[in-house]
């Protein structure tokens, strides 16, 4: 029983750190598509809620560790600002599971001035969509690989 709870928690917690770990670990443990996708979504959204509601504390913590000599404008920053200008909260939220880690996407959307309700809404849409699609794709891929061996 405790072992099963620890498996659930590991899928949940790792999804909050790096989204791709959720579907991969859930499939490795033999969970169904729905269970894996819901654990992955829950992990990501926990991180999003924490970063949205504790924004001031995270900003003050980040300022302590920020390097003084770093470049403000680089290729990566310009790409995110371009996405923000073109698509807003929706664009960055939909890109978060694929390109960024959940914490990075939520902090970036916060830093660029997204409204709390809008961030949470689009992150929910993004997390649910990406978790079900990625879990299904990984399950299909693993079945194909099993067929070859």
C-alpha atoms as a PDB file:
ATOM      1  CA  UNK A   1       0.000   0.000   0.000  1.00  0.00           C
ATOM      2  CA  UNK A   2       2.728   2.453   0.975  1.00  0.00           C
ATOM      3  CA  UNK A   3       4.690   1.487  -2.115  1.00  0.00           C
ATOM      4  CA  UNK A   4       1.714   2.311  -4.357  1.00  0.00           C
ATOM      5  CA  UNK A   5       1.232   5.695  -2.659  1.00  0.00           C
ATOM      6  CA  UNK A   6       4.918   6.491  -3.173  1.00  0.00           C
ATOM      7  CA  UNK A   7       4.573   5.627  -6.875  1.00  0.00           C
ATOM      8  CA  UNK A   8       1.592   7.968  -7.216  1.00  0.00           C
ATOM      9  CA  UNK A   9       3.454  10.727  -5.384  1.00  0.00           C
ATOM     10  CA  UNK A  10       6.574  10.295  -7.516  1.00  0.00           C
ATOM     11  CA  UNK A  11       4.577  10.694 -10.759  1.00  0.00           C
ATOM     12  CA  UNK A  12       2.747  13.671  -9.243  1.00  0.00           C
ATOM     13  CA  UNK A  13       5.848  15.397  -7.859  1.00  0.00           C
ATOM     14  CA  UNK A  14       8.080  14.846 -10.885  1.00  0.00           C
ATOM     15  CA  UNK A  15       5.353  16.258 -13.147  1.00  0.00           C
ATOM     16  CA  UNK A  16       5.557  19.475 -11.185  1.00  0.00           C
ATOM     17  CA  UNK A  17       9.288  19.678 -11.766  1.00  0.00           C
ATOM     18  CA  UNK A  18       9.540  18.518 -15.385  1.00  0.00           C
ATOM     19  CA  UNK A  19       6.340  17.729 -17.270  1.00  0.00           C
ATOM     20  CA  UNK A  20       7.749  14.925 -19.426  1.00  0.00           C
ATOM     21  CA  UNK A  21       8.573  12.804 -16.362  1.00  0.00           C
ATOM     22  CA  UNK A  22       4.885  12.321 -15.486  1.00  0.00           C
ATOM     23  CA  UNK A  23       3.718  10.379 -18.549  1.00  0.00           C
ATOM     24  CA  UNK A  24       6.973   8.464 -18.799  1.00  0.00           C
ATOM     25  CA  UNK A  25       6.989   7.355 -15.175  1.00  0.00           C
ATOM     26  CA  UNK A  26       3.245   6.655 -15.133  1.00  0.00           C
ATOM     27  CA  UNK A  27       3.570   4.339 -18.108  1.00  0.00           C
ATOM     28  CA  UNK A  28       6.620   2.668 -16.567  1.00  0.00           C
ATOM     29  CA  UNK A  29       4.549   1.939 -13.445  1.00  0.00           C
ATOM     30  CA  UNK A  30       1.773   0.485 -15.611  1.00  0.00           C
ATOM     31  CA  UNK A  31      -0.897   3.093 -14.846  1.00  0.00           C
ATOM     32  CA  UNK A  32      -3.770   3.709 -17.237  1.00  0.00           C
ATOM     33  CA  UNK A  33      -3.959   6.700 -19.559  1.00  0.00           C
ATOM     34  CA  UNK A  34      -6.469   8.521 -17.357  1.00  0.00           C
ATOM     35  CA  UNK A  35      -4.611   7.957 -14.077  1.00  0.00           C
ATOM     36  CA  UNK A  36      -1.278   8.975 -15.590  1.00  0.00           C
ATOM     37  CA  UNK A  37      -2.728  12.059 -17.268  1.00  0.00           C
ATOM     38  CA  UNK A  38      -4.535  13.199 -14.116  1.00  0.00           C
ATOM     39  CA  UNK A  39      -1.454  12.733 -11.929  1.00  0.00           C
ATOM     40  CA  UNK A  40       0.632  14.632 -14.466  1.00  0.00           C
ATOM     41  CA  UNK A  41      -1.922  17.446 -14.657  1.00  0.00           C
ATOM     42  CA  UNK A  42      -2.148  17.631 -10.868  1.00  0.00           C
ATOM     43  CA  UNK A  43       1.606  17.863 -10.480  1.00  0.00           C
ATOM     44  CA  UNK A  44       1.956  20.647 -13.018  1.00  0.00           C
ATOM     45  CA  UNK A  45      -0.969  22.616 -11.641  1.00  0.00           C
ATOM     46  CA  UNK A  46       0.308  22.385  -8.075  1.00  0.00           C
ATOM     47  CA  UNK A  47       3.501  24.046  -9.244  1.00  0.00           C
ATOM     48  CA  UNK A  48       1.537  26.671 -11.172  1.00  0.00           C
ATOM     49  CA  UNK A  49      -0.674  27.494  -8.173  1.00  0.00           C
ATOM     50  CA  UNK A  50       2.319  27.780  -5.861  1.00  0.00           C
ATOM     51  CA  UNK A  51       4.173  30.067  -8.253  1.00  0.00           C
ATOM     52  CA  UNK A  52       1.119  32.251  -8.945  1.00  0.00           C
ATOM     53  CA  UNK A  53       0.081  32.681  -5.321  1.00  0.00           C
ATOM     54  CA  UNK A  54       3.612  33.107  -3.953  1.00  0.00           C
ATOM     55  CA  UNK A  55       4.822  35.432  -6.700  1.00  0.00           C
ATOM     56  CA  UNK A  56       6.258  38.196  -4.453  1.00  0.00           C
ATOM     57  CA  UNK A  57       8.242  35.742  -2.360  1.00  0.00           C
ATOM     58  CA  UNK A  58       9.637  34.040  -5.478  1.00  0.00           C
ATOM     59  CA  UNK A  59      10.640  37.390  -6.993  1.00  0.00           C
ATOM     60  CA  UNK A  60      12.530  38.464  -3.892  1.00  0.00           C
ATOM     61  CA  UNK A  61      14.245  35.073  -3.735  1.00  0.00           C
ATOM     62  CA  UNK A  62      15.223  35.306  -7.412  1.00  0.00           C
ATOM     63  CA  UNK A  63      16.728  38.760  -6.927  1.00  0.00           C
ATOM     64  CA  UNK A  64      19.111  37.393  -4.319  1.00  0.00           C
ATOM     65  CA  UNK A  65      20.558  34.870  -6.765  1.00  0.00           C
ATOM     66  CA  UNK A  66      20.477  36.969  -9.938  1.00  0.00           C
ATOM     67  CA  UNK A  67      23.816  37.705 -11.531  1.00  0.00           C
ATOM     68  CA  UNK A  68      24.544  41.367 -12.069  1.00  0.00           C
ATOM     69  CA  UNK A  69      26.468  40.916 -15.322  1.00  0.00           C
ATOM     70  CA  UNK A  70      23.992  38.723 -17.242  1.00  0.00           C
ATOM     71  CA  UNK A  71      22.622  39.777 -20.605  1.00  0.00           C
ATOM     72  CA  UNK A  72      19.028  40.948 -20.583  1.00  0.00           C
ATOM     73  CA  UNK A  73      18.467  40.443 -24.299  1.00  0.00           C
ATOM     74  CA  UNK A  74      19.462  37.098 -25.682  1.00  0.00           C
ATOM     75  CA  UNK A  75      17.991  34.784 -28.300  1.00  0.00           C
ATOM     76  CA  UNK A  76      15.899  32.800 -25.830  1.00  0.00           C
ATOM     77  CA  UNK A  77      14.425  35.867 -24.093  1.00  0.00           C
ATOM     78  CA  UNK A  78      13.532  37.432 -27.412  1.00  0.00           C
ATOM     79  CA  UNK A  79      11.692  34.267 -28.448  1.00  0.00           C
ATOM     80  CA  UNK A  80       9.568  34.308 -25.274  1.00  0.00           C
ATOM     81  CA  UNK A  81       8.787  38.003 -25.641  1.00  0.00           C
ATOM     82  CA  UNK A  82       7.796  37.399 -29.273  1.00  0.00           C
ATOM     83  CA  UNK A  83       5.418  34.611 -28.190  1.00  0.00           C
ATOM     84  CA  UNK A  84       4.060  36.872 -25.432  1.00  0.00           C
ATOM     85  CA  UNK A  85       3.452  39.779 -27.813  1.00  0.00           C
ATOM     86  CA  UNK A  86       1.786  37.554 -30.387  1.00  0.00           C
ATOM     87  CA  UNK A  87      -0.250  35.144 -28.228  1.00  0.00           C
ATOM     88  CA  UNK A  88      -0.171  36.450 -24.641  1.00  0.00           C
ATOM     89  CA  UNK A  89      -0.910  34.230 -21.663  1.00  0.00           C
ATOM     90  CA  UNK A  90      -2.478  31.569 -23.876  1.00  0.00           C
ATOM     91  CA  UNK A  91       0.629  31.160 -26.031  1.00  0.00           C
ATOM     92  CA  UNK A  92       3.089  30.836 -23.175  1.00  0.00           C
ATOM     93  CA  UNK A  93       0.747  28.561 -21.235  1.00  0.00           C
ATOM     94  CA  UNK A  94       0.369  26.215 -24.182  1.00  0.00           C
ATOM     95  CA  UNK A  95       4.137  26.210 -24.725  1.00  0.00           C
ATOM     96  CA  UNK A  96       4.970  25.582 -21.056  1.00  0.00           C
ATOM     97  CA  UNK A  97       4.757  21.743 -20.936  1.00  0.00           C
ATOM     98  CA  UNK A  98       6.674  21.327 -24.186  1.00  0.00           C
ATOM     99  CA  UNK A  99       9.369  24.010 -23.999  1.00  0.00           C
ATOM    100  CA  UNK A 100       9.580  25.106 -20.372  1.00  0.00           C
ATOM    101  CA  UNK A 101       9.286  23.428 -17.021  1.00  0.00           C
ATOM    102  CA  UNK A 102       5.977  24.127 -15.217  1.00  0.00           C
ATOM    103  CA  UNK A 103       7.671  26.419 -12.702  1.00  0.00           C
ATOM    104  CA  UNK A 104       9.521  28.284 -15.450  1.00  0.00           C
ATOM    105  CA  UNK A 105       6.402  28.845 -17.536  1.00  0.00           C
ATOM    106  CA  UNK A 106       4.340  30.045 -14.591  1.00  0.00           C
ATOM    107  CA  UNK A 107       7.051  32.412 -13.389  1.00  0.00           C
ATOM    108  CA  UNK A 108       7.604  33.764 -16.901  1.00  0.00           C
ATOM    109  CA  UNK A 109       3.897  34.428 -17.474  1.00  0.00           C
ATOM    110  CA  UNK A 110       3.741  36.087 -14.040  1.00  0.00           C
ATOM    111  CA  UNK A 111       6.790  38.224 -14.770  1.00  0.00           C
ATOM    112  CA  UNK A 112       5.393  39.395 -18.098  1.00  0.00           C
ATOM    113  CA  UNK A 113       2.225  40.618 -16.402  1.00  0.00           C
ATOM    114  CA  UNK A 114      -0.385  37.923 -16.874  1.00  0.00           C
ATOM    115  CA  UNK A 115      -3.510  38.094 -14.737  1.00  0.00           C
ATOM    116  CA  UNK A 116      -3.882  35.363 -12.113  1.00  0.00           C
ATOM    117  CA  UNK A 117      -7.255  34.039 -13.366  1.00  0.00           C
ATOM    118  CA  UNK A 118      -6.110  33.960 -16.966  1.00  0.00           C
ATOM    119  CA  UNK A 119      -2.855  32.196 -16.087  1.00  0.00           C
ATOM    120  CA  UNK A 120      -4.643  29.502 -14.101  1.00  0.00           C
ATOM    121  CA  UNK A 121      -7.322  28.994 -16.778  1.00  0.00           C
ATOM    122  CA  UNK A 122      -4.878  28.581 -19.662  1.00  0.00           C
ATOM    123  CA  UNK A 123      -2.466  26.484 -17.625  1.00  0.00           C
ATOM    124  CA  UNK A 124      -5.333  24.084 -16.807  1.00  0.00           C
ATOM    125  CA  UNK A 125      -6.222  23.808 -20.495  1.00  0.00           C
ATOM    126  CA  UNK A 126      -2.581  23.303 -21.398  1.00  0.00           C
ATOM    127  CA  UNK A 127      -1.884  20.747 -18.660  1.00  0.00           C
ATOM    128  CA  UNK A 128      -4.957  18.645 -19.417  1.00  0.00           C
ATOM    129  CA  UNK A 129      -4.405  18.699 -23.162  1.00  0.00           C
ATOM    130  CA  UNK A 130      -0.693  18.002 -23.075  1.00  0.00           C
ATOM    131  CA  UNK A 131      -0.921  15.323 -20.393  1.00  0.00           C
ATOM    132  CA  UNK A 132      -3.555  13.274 -22.232  1.00  0.00           C
ATOM    133  CA  UNK A 133      -1.883  13.705 -25.630  1.00  0.00           C
ATOM    134  CA  UNK A 134       1.645  12.974 -24.400  1.00  0.00           C
ATOM    135  CA  UNK A 135       0.532   9.996 -22.323  1.00  0.00           C
ATOM    136  CA  UNK A 136      -1.364   8.540 -25.277  1.00  0.00           C
ATOM    137  CA  UNK A 137       1.594   9.114 -27.622  1.00  0.00           C
ATOM    138  CA  UNK A 138       4.061   7.513 -25.209  1.00  0.00           C
ATOM    139  CA  UNK A 139       1.757   4.538 -24.624  1.00  0.00           C
ATOM    140  CA  UNK A 140       1.369   4.065 -28.373  1.00  0.00           C
ATOM    141  CA  UNK A 141       5.120   4.354 -28.864  1.00  0.00           C
ATOM    142  CA  UNK A 142       5.854   1.795 -26.164  1.00  0.00           C
ATOM    143  CA  UNK A 143       3.354  -0.611 -27.717  1.00  0.00           C
ATOM    144  CA  UNK A 144       5.062  -0.217 -31.099  1.00  0.00           C
ATOM    145  CA  UNK A 145       8.462  -0.854 -29.546  1.00  0.00           C
ATOM    146  CA  UNK A 146       7.132  -3.964 -27.761  1.00  0.00           C
ATOM    147  CA  UNK A 147       5.865  -5.236 -31.111  1.00  0.00           C
ATOM    148  CA  UNK A 148       9.367  -5.213 -32.572  1.00  0.00           C
ATOM    149  CA  UNK A 149      10.904  -7.294 -29.795  1.00  0.00           C
END
